[in-house]
N, C-alpha and C. Protein backbone atom coordinates (compact mmCIF):
# COMPACT_ATOMS: atom_id res chain seq x y z
N MET A 1 -59.92 14.83 19.95
CA MET A 1 -59.41 15.97 20.69
C MET A 1 -60.52 17.00 20.80
N ARG A 2 -60.76 17.46 22.01
CA ARG A 2 -61.77 18.49 22.21
C ARG A 2 -61.20 19.66 22.98
N LYS A 3 -61.04 19.52 24.29
CA LYS A 3 -60.52 20.62 25.10
C LYS A 3 -59.00 20.62 25.07
N VAL A 4 -58.45 21.79 24.75
CA VAL A 4 -57.01 21.90 24.59
C VAL A 4 -56.49 23.02 25.49
N LEU A 5 -55.36 22.76 26.12
CA LEU A 5 -54.67 23.72 26.96
C LEU A 5 -53.34 24.02 26.29
N ALA A 6 -52.99 25.30 26.13
CA ALA A 6 -51.71 25.67 25.54
C ALA A 6 -50.86 26.36 26.58
N LEU A 7 -49.56 26.13 26.50
CA LEU A 7 -48.62 26.70 27.45
C LEU A 7 -47.49 27.42 26.72
N ASP A 8 -47.22 28.63 27.16
CA ASP A 8 -46.05 29.38 26.70
C ASP A 8 -45.08 29.34 27.87
N TYR A 9 -44.17 28.37 27.84
CA TYR A 9 -43.26 28.11 28.96
C TYR A 9 -42.18 29.18 29.04
N GLY A 10 -41.98 29.67 30.24
CA GLY A 10 -40.89 30.60 30.52
C GLY A 10 -40.26 30.25 31.84
N THR A 11 -39.04 30.70 32.06
CA THR A 11 -38.34 30.35 33.30
C THR A 11 -38.94 31.04 34.51
N LYS A 12 -39.65 32.15 34.32
CA LYS A 12 -40.29 32.86 35.43
C LYS A 12 -41.81 32.75 35.42
N ARG A 13 -42.39 32.77 34.21
CA ARG A 13 -43.85 32.72 34.07
C ARG A 13 -44.23 31.78 32.93
N VAL A 14 -45.42 31.18 33.06
CA VAL A 14 -45.95 30.31 32.03
C VAL A 14 -47.33 30.83 31.66
N GLY A 15 -47.48 31.18 30.39
CA GLY A 15 -48.78 31.62 29.90
C GLY A 15 -49.66 30.43 29.61
N VAL A 16 -50.96 30.59 29.90
CA VAL A 16 -51.92 29.52 29.70
C VAL A 16 -53.07 30.03 28.84
N ALA A 17 -53.44 29.23 27.86
CA ALA A 17 -54.61 29.53 27.03
C ALA A 17 -55.42 28.25 26.91
N THR A 18 -56.71 28.40 26.64
CA THR A 18 -57.57 27.24 26.47
C THR A 18 -58.41 27.42 25.22
N GLY A 19 -58.93 26.32 24.76
CA GLY A 19 -59.82 26.36 23.61
C GLY A 19 -60.43 25.00 23.37
N ASP A 20 -61.41 24.98 22.50
CA ASP A 20 -62.10 23.76 22.13
C ASP A 20 -61.80 23.49 20.66
N ALA A 21 -61.25 22.33 20.36
CA ALA A 21 -60.86 22.01 18.99
C ALA A 21 -62.05 22.00 18.04
N ASP A 22 -63.25 21.72 18.54
CA ASP A 22 -64.43 21.72 17.67
C ASP A 22 -64.71 23.11 17.11
N PHE A 23 -64.41 24.14 17.88
CA PHE A 23 -64.65 25.51 17.45
C PHE A 23 -63.39 26.17 16.87
N GLY A 24 -62.22 25.70 17.29
CA GLY A 24 -60.97 26.21 16.77
C GLY A 24 -60.66 27.64 17.16
N ILE A 25 -61.10 28.02 18.36
CA ILE A 25 -60.84 29.38 18.84
C ILE A 25 -60.13 29.29 20.18
N ALA A 26 -59.03 30.04 20.31
CA ALA A 26 -58.23 30.04 21.53
C ALA A 26 -58.50 31.29 22.36
N PHE A 27 -58.43 31.13 23.66
CA PHE A 27 -58.65 32.23 24.59
C PHE A 27 -57.53 32.28 25.63
N PRO A 28 -57.00 33.47 25.92
CA PRO A 28 -56.00 33.55 27.00
C PRO A 28 -56.69 33.24 28.33
N ARG A 29 -55.97 32.56 29.22
CA ARG A 29 -56.62 32.16 30.49
C ARG A 29 -55.91 32.69 31.73
N ALA A 30 -54.59 32.49 31.80
CA ALA A 30 -53.89 32.84 33.04
C ALA A 30 -52.39 32.89 32.80
N VAL A 31 -51.71 33.37 33.82
CA VAL A 31 -50.25 33.31 33.88
C VAL A 31 -49.91 32.65 35.21
N ILE A 32 -49.07 31.61 35.14
CA ILE A 32 -48.67 30.87 36.33
C ILE A 32 -47.20 31.16 36.59
N GLY A 33 -46.88 31.46 37.83
CA GLY A 33 -45.47 31.65 38.19
C GLY A 33 -44.73 30.33 38.13
N ASN A 34 -43.53 30.34 37.58
CA ASN A 34 -42.73 29.12 37.48
C ASN A 34 -41.72 29.12 38.62
N LYS A 35 -42.02 28.34 39.64
CA LYS A 35 -41.13 28.23 40.79
C LYS A 35 -40.42 26.88 40.81
N GLY A 36 -40.39 26.24 39.65
CA GLY A 36 -39.75 24.94 39.53
C GLY A 36 -40.64 23.98 38.77
N VAL A 37 -40.02 23.09 38.02
CA VAL A 37 -40.76 22.19 37.15
C VAL A 37 -41.73 21.29 37.91
N GLU A 38 -41.30 20.75 39.03
CA GLU A 38 -42.16 19.82 39.77
C GLU A 38 -43.47 20.47 40.20
N GLY A 39 -43.39 21.63 40.82
CA GLY A 39 -44.60 22.33 41.25
C GLY A 39 -45.44 22.79 40.09
N LEU A 40 -44.80 23.23 39.02
CA LEU A 40 -45.51 23.69 37.83
C LEU A 40 -46.28 22.55 37.19
N VAL A 41 -45.65 21.40 37.08
CA VAL A 41 -46.31 20.23 36.50
C VAL A 41 -47.53 19.84 37.34
N GLU A 42 -47.40 19.87 38.65
CA GLU A 42 -48.53 19.54 39.52
C GLU A 42 -49.68 20.52 39.32
N GLU A 43 -49.35 21.82 39.23
CA GLU A 43 -50.38 22.84 39.04
C GLU A 43 -51.09 22.67 37.70
N ILE A 44 -50.34 22.37 36.67
CA ILE A 44 -50.94 22.18 35.35
C ILE A 44 -51.78 20.91 35.33
N ASN A 45 -51.33 19.87 36.00
CA ASN A 45 -52.11 18.64 36.09
C ASN A 45 -53.45 18.90 36.76
N ARG A 46 -53.46 19.67 37.84
CA ARG A 46 -54.72 20.01 38.52
C ARG A 46 -55.64 20.81 37.58
N LEU A 47 -55.06 21.74 36.86
CA LEU A 47 -55.83 22.55 35.93
C LEU A 47 -56.43 21.67 34.83
N CYS A 48 -55.66 20.72 34.34
CA CYS A 48 -56.16 19.80 33.30
C CYS A 48 -57.31 18.95 33.80
N GLU A 49 -57.21 18.49 35.03
CA GLU A 49 -58.30 17.70 35.62
C GLU A 49 -59.55 18.57 35.79
N GLU A 50 -59.37 19.78 36.28
CA GLU A 50 -60.48 20.70 36.48
C GLU A 50 -61.19 21.01 35.17
N LEU A 51 -60.43 21.24 34.12
CA LEU A 51 -61.00 21.63 32.83
C LEU A 51 -61.32 20.44 31.92
N GLU A 52 -60.96 19.24 32.35
CA GLU A 52 -61.15 18.02 31.56
C GLU A 52 -60.48 18.14 30.19
N VAL A 53 -59.20 18.47 30.23
CA VAL A 53 -58.41 18.70 29.03
C VAL A 53 -58.03 17.37 28.38
N ASP A 54 -58.09 17.33 27.05
CA ASP A 54 -57.71 16.15 26.28
C ASP A 54 -56.28 16.26 25.73
N THR A 55 -55.86 17.49 25.45
CA THR A 55 -54.56 17.72 24.81
C THR A 55 -53.90 18.96 25.41
N ILE A 56 -52.59 18.89 25.57
CA ILE A 56 -51.79 20.04 25.99
C ILE A 56 -50.82 20.35 24.85
N VAL A 57 -50.77 21.61 24.47
CA VAL A 57 -49.85 22.07 23.45
C VAL A 57 -48.83 22.98 24.13
N VAL A 58 -47.56 22.65 24.00
CA VAL A 58 -46.49 23.43 24.63
C VAL A 58 -45.66 24.07 23.53
N GLY A 59 -45.50 25.38 23.63
CA GLY A 59 -44.70 26.10 22.64
C GLY A 59 -43.24 25.71 22.72
N LEU A 60 -42.66 25.41 21.57
CA LEU A 60 -41.24 25.08 21.48
C LEU A 60 -40.53 26.27 20.84
N PRO A 61 -39.58 26.88 21.56
CA PRO A 61 -38.90 28.08 21.07
C PRO A 61 -37.80 27.77 20.05
N LEU A 62 -38.22 27.47 18.83
CA LEU A 62 -37.26 27.18 17.76
C LEU A 62 -36.49 28.43 17.39
N ASN A 63 -35.26 28.25 16.94
CA ASN A 63 -34.47 29.37 16.43
C ASN A 63 -35.07 29.86 15.12
N MET A 64 -34.79 31.10 14.80
CA MET A 64 -35.32 31.67 13.57
C MET A 64 -34.64 31.10 12.33
N ASP A 65 -33.42 30.56 12.47
CA ASP A 65 -32.76 29.99 11.30
C ASP A 65 -33.38 28.64 10.96
N GLU A 66 -33.07 28.16 9.81
CA GLU A 66 -33.65 26.90 9.33
C GLU A 66 -33.08 25.66 10.01
N GLU A 67 -31.92 25.80 10.64
CA GLU A 67 -31.25 24.64 11.21
C GLU A 67 -31.84 24.20 12.55
N HIS A 68 -32.46 25.11 13.26
CA HIS A 68 -33.10 24.82 14.56
C HIS A 68 -32.15 24.12 15.52
N GLU A 69 -30.93 24.63 15.63
CA GLU A 69 -30.00 24.06 16.59
C GLU A 69 -30.61 24.11 17.98
N GLU A 70 -30.40 23.07 18.73
CA GLU A 70 -30.94 22.97 20.08
C GLU A 70 -30.29 24.03 20.97
N ASN A 71 -31.10 24.89 21.55
CA ASN A 71 -30.58 25.90 22.47
C ASN A 71 -31.00 25.55 23.90
N GLU A 72 -30.51 26.31 24.85
CA GLU A 72 -30.77 26.01 26.26
C GLU A 72 -32.26 26.03 26.60
N MET A 73 -32.99 26.99 26.05
CA MET A 73 -34.43 27.08 26.34
C MET A 73 -35.19 25.91 25.74
N MET A 74 -34.79 25.48 24.55
CA MET A 74 -35.43 24.31 23.95
C MET A 74 -35.22 23.08 24.83
N GLN A 75 -34.01 22.94 25.36
CA GLN A 75 -33.71 21.81 26.24
C GLN A 75 -34.56 21.86 27.50
N GLU A 76 -34.73 23.06 28.04
CA GLU A 76 -35.55 23.22 29.24
C GLU A 76 -37.01 22.87 28.96
N VAL A 77 -37.52 23.32 27.82
CA VAL A 77 -38.91 23.01 27.45
C VAL A 77 -39.07 21.50 27.25
N ARG A 78 -38.12 20.87 26.60
CA ARG A 78 -38.21 19.42 26.38
C ARG A 78 -38.19 18.65 27.72
N TYR A 79 -37.38 19.10 28.68
CA TYR A 79 -37.36 18.48 30.00
C TYR A 79 -38.72 18.67 30.69
N PHE A 80 -39.26 19.89 30.62
CA PHE A 80 -40.57 20.17 31.21
C PHE A 80 -41.63 19.26 30.59
N VAL A 81 -41.63 19.13 29.27
CA VAL A 81 -42.62 18.29 28.59
C VAL A 81 -42.47 16.82 29.00
N LYS A 82 -41.25 16.36 29.15
CA LYS A 82 -41.01 14.98 29.61
C LYS A 82 -41.65 14.77 30.98
N GLU A 83 -41.41 15.69 31.90
CA GLU A 83 -41.99 15.60 33.24
C GLU A 83 -43.51 15.71 33.20
N LEU A 84 -44.01 16.57 32.34
CA LEU A 84 -45.45 16.76 32.20
C LEU A 84 -46.10 15.48 31.69
N ARG A 85 -45.52 14.88 30.67
CA ARG A 85 -46.07 13.63 30.11
C ARG A 85 -46.14 12.53 31.15
N GLU A 86 -45.13 12.46 32.01
CA GLU A 86 -45.10 11.43 33.05
C GLU A 86 -46.19 11.65 34.10
N THR A 87 -46.64 12.88 34.24
CA THR A 87 -47.62 13.22 35.28
C THR A 87 -49.06 13.18 34.79
N VAL A 88 -49.32 13.61 33.57
CA VAL A 88 -50.71 13.79 33.12
C VAL A 88 -51.36 12.54 32.56
N GLY A 89 -50.65 11.46 32.50
CA GLY A 89 -51.25 10.19 32.10
C GLY A 89 -51.68 10.15 30.65
N ASP A 90 -52.98 10.00 30.43
CA ASP A 90 -53.51 9.80 29.08
C ASP A 90 -53.68 11.08 28.27
N ILE A 91 -53.40 12.21 28.86
CA ILE A 91 -53.53 13.47 28.12
C ILE A 91 -52.37 13.58 27.13
N ASP A 92 -52.72 13.84 25.87
CA ASP A 92 -51.72 14.00 24.82
C ASP A 92 -50.98 15.32 25.03
N VAL A 93 -49.64 15.29 24.99
CA VAL A 93 -48.83 16.50 25.14
C VAL A 93 -48.02 16.67 23.86
N GLU A 94 -48.22 17.80 23.18
CA GLU A 94 -47.56 18.05 21.90
C GLU A 94 -46.71 19.31 21.98
N LEU A 95 -45.59 19.27 21.29
CA LEU A 95 -44.75 20.46 21.13
C LEU A 95 -45.18 21.15 19.84
N PHE A 96 -45.17 22.49 19.86
CA PHE A 96 -45.59 23.23 18.68
C PHE A 96 -44.75 24.50 18.55
N ASP A 97 -44.33 24.81 17.35
CA ASP A 97 -43.49 25.97 17.04
C ASP A 97 -44.12 27.25 17.60
N GLU A 98 -43.36 27.95 18.43
CA GLU A 98 -43.89 29.18 19.03
C GLU A 98 -43.20 30.44 18.53
N ARG A 99 -42.40 30.34 17.48
CA ARG A 99 -41.65 31.51 17.01
C ARG A 99 -42.55 32.73 16.83
N LEU A 100 -42.08 33.84 17.39
CA LEU A 100 -42.72 35.16 17.31
C LEU A 100 -44.08 35.24 18.02
N SER A 101 -44.45 34.22 18.77
CA SER A 101 -45.74 34.26 19.47
C SER A 101 -45.77 35.36 20.53
N THR A 102 -44.64 35.65 21.16
CA THR A 102 -44.60 36.70 22.19
C THR A 102 -44.91 38.06 21.58
N PHE A 103 -44.35 38.33 20.41
CA PHE A 103 -44.60 39.62 19.76
C PHE A 103 -46.06 39.75 19.34
N GLU A 104 -46.60 38.69 18.76
CA GLU A 104 -48.00 38.70 18.35
C GLU A 104 -48.91 38.78 19.58
N GLY A 105 -48.51 38.10 20.65
CA GLY A 105 -49.28 38.14 21.89
C GLY A 105 -49.33 39.52 22.50
N LYS A 106 -48.21 40.28 22.40
CA LYS A 106 -48.19 41.65 22.91
C LYS A 106 -49.21 42.51 22.17
N ASP A 107 -49.32 42.32 20.86
CA ASP A 107 -50.31 43.07 20.08
C ASP A 107 -51.73 42.72 20.52
N LEU A 108 -52.00 41.45 20.74
CA LEU A 108 -53.32 41.03 21.21
C LEU A 108 -53.63 41.62 22.58
N MET A 109 -52.62 41.64 23.45
CA MET A 109 -52.81 42.18 24.79
C MET A 109 -53.12 43.67 24.72
N ARG A 110 -52.39 44.41 23.89
CA ARG A 110 -52.66 45.85 23.74
C ARG A 110 -54.07 46.10 23.24
N ASP A 111 -54.51 45.30 22.27
CA ASP A 111 -55.87 45.44 21.74
C ASP A 111 -56.91 45.17 22.83
N ALA A 112 -56.67 44.12 23.61
CA ALA A 112 -57.61 43.77 24.68
C ALA A 112 -57.65 44.86 25.75
N GLU A 113 -56.49 45.43 26.08
CA GLU A 113 -56.44 46.51 27.08
C GLU A 113 -57.17 47.75 26.58
N LYS A 114 -57.04 48.05 25.30
CA LYS A 114 -57.74 49.22 24.75
C LYS A 114 -59.25 49.03 24.84
N LYS A 115 -59.71 47.82 24.54
CA LYS A 115 -61.16 47.55 24.57
C LYS A 115 -61.72 47.56 25.99
N SER A 116 -60.96 46.99 26.93
CA SER A 116 -61.49 46.88 28.29
C SER A 116 -61.06 48.04 29.19
N GLY A 117 -59.98 48.72 28.80
CA GLY A 117 -59.48 49.82 29.61
C GLY A 117 -58.64 49.39 30.79
N LYS A 118 -58.31 48.10 30.89
CA LYS A 118 -57.47 47.62 31.99
C LYS A 118 -56.70 46.39 31.55
N GLU A 119 -55.62 46.12 32.26
CA GLU A 119 -54.82 44.93 31.98
C GLU A 119 -55.36 43.78 32.80
N GLU A 120 -55.88 42.77 32.14
CA GLU A 120 -56.46 41.64 32.85
C GLU A 120 -55.51 40.45 32.96
N LEU A 121 -54.75 40.20 31.90
CA LEU A 121 -53.83 39.08 31.87
C LEU A 121 -52.48 39.56 31.39
N GLY A 122 -51.44 38.84 31.73
CA GLY A 122 -50.11 39.19 31.26
C GLY A 122 -49.87 38.74 29.84
N ARG A 123 -48.79 39.25 29.26
CA ARG A 123 -48.50 38.95 27.85
C ARG A 123 -48.27 37.47 27.61
N ASP A 124 -47.84 36.74 28.63
CA ASP A 124 -47.59 35.31 28.45
C ASP A 124 -48.87 34.54 28.13
N ALA A 125 -49.99 34.96 28.71
CA ALA A 125 -51.26 34.31 28.41
C ALA A 125 -51.66 34.55 26.96
N TYR A 126 -51.39 35.74 26.46
CA TYR A 126 -51.70 36.05 25.06
C TYR A 126 -50.75 35.32 24.11
N ALA A 127 -49.50 35.13 24.52
CA ALA A 127 -48.58 34.33 23.70
C ALA A 127 -49.08 32.89 23.62
N ALA A 128 -49.58 32.36 24.73
CA ALA A 128 -50.16 31.01 24.73
C ALA A 128 -51.38 30.95 23.82
N GLN A 129 -52.17 32.03 23.80
CA GLN A 129 -53.33 32.08 22.91
C GLN A 129 -52.88 32.00 21.45
N VAL A 130 -51.82 32.72 21.12
CA VAL A 130 -51.28 32.70 19.75
C VAL A 130 -50.83 31.28 19.38
N ILE A 131 -50.12 30.63 20.28
CA ILE A 131 -49.65 29.27 20.04
C ILE A 131 -50.84 28.35 19.77
N LEU A 132 -51.86 28.44 20.61
CA LEU A 132 -53.02 27.56 20.46
C LEU A 132 -53.79 27.88 19.19
N GLN A 133 -53.95 29.14 18.86
CA GLN A 133 -54.68 29.49 17.65
C GLN A 133 -53.94 28.98 16.41
N ARG A 134 -52.63 29.10 16.41
CA ARG A 134 -51.84 28.56 15.29
C ARG A 134 -51.99 27.05 15.20
N PHE A 135 -52.02 26.39 16.35
CA PHE A 135 -52.21 24.94 16.40
C PHE A 135 -53.55 24.57 15.78
N PHE A 136 -54.61 25.26 16.19
CA PHE A 136 -55.93 25.01 15.61
C PHE A 136 -55.94 25.28 14.10
N ASP A 137 -55.32 26.38 13.70
CA ASP A 137 -55.29 26.74 12.28
C ASP A 137 -54.58 25.66 11.46
N LYS A 138 -53.51 25.10 12.01
CA LYS A 138 -52.78 24.05 11.31
C LYS A 138 -53.63 22.78 11.20
N LEU A 139 -54.43 22.51 12.23
CA LEU A 139 -55.31 21.36 12.18
C LEU A 139 -56.46 21.54 11.18
N GLY A 140 -56.71 22.81 10.87
CA GLY A 140 -57.81 23.09 9.94
C GLY A 140 -59.17 23.13 10.62
N THR A 141 -59.17 23.39 11.93
CA THR A 141 -60.44 23.47 12.65
C THR A 141 -61.00 24.87 12.59
């Protein structure tokens, strides 16, 4: 695994982050409008080809309780991942716990805005960065 793309899936927007597993550092990249799973999957597939991605990590919105009962958003993410896997071929697609990534992403976005003086990316891209960084940290890279 080398180039990794992370997605923070939402019904309106999908945050995108990228990173290299050799370095273990994630970067926010973009926010893609979600106008339907089919078009979104095609757009992500094009992005993966362009970036020569080896792995896609998709945030799974687990409940905060220990039971992790399947909720509507989890079902939607699982359907999206199923469609994504069918489209991207040999690229590995993994689900990864995204709990509280949006809150942590908002903090990262505020810090970035303070440093640059402008808003460059939406909070969803920073949430994707959090997901990817946690993924790298778990791998021990």
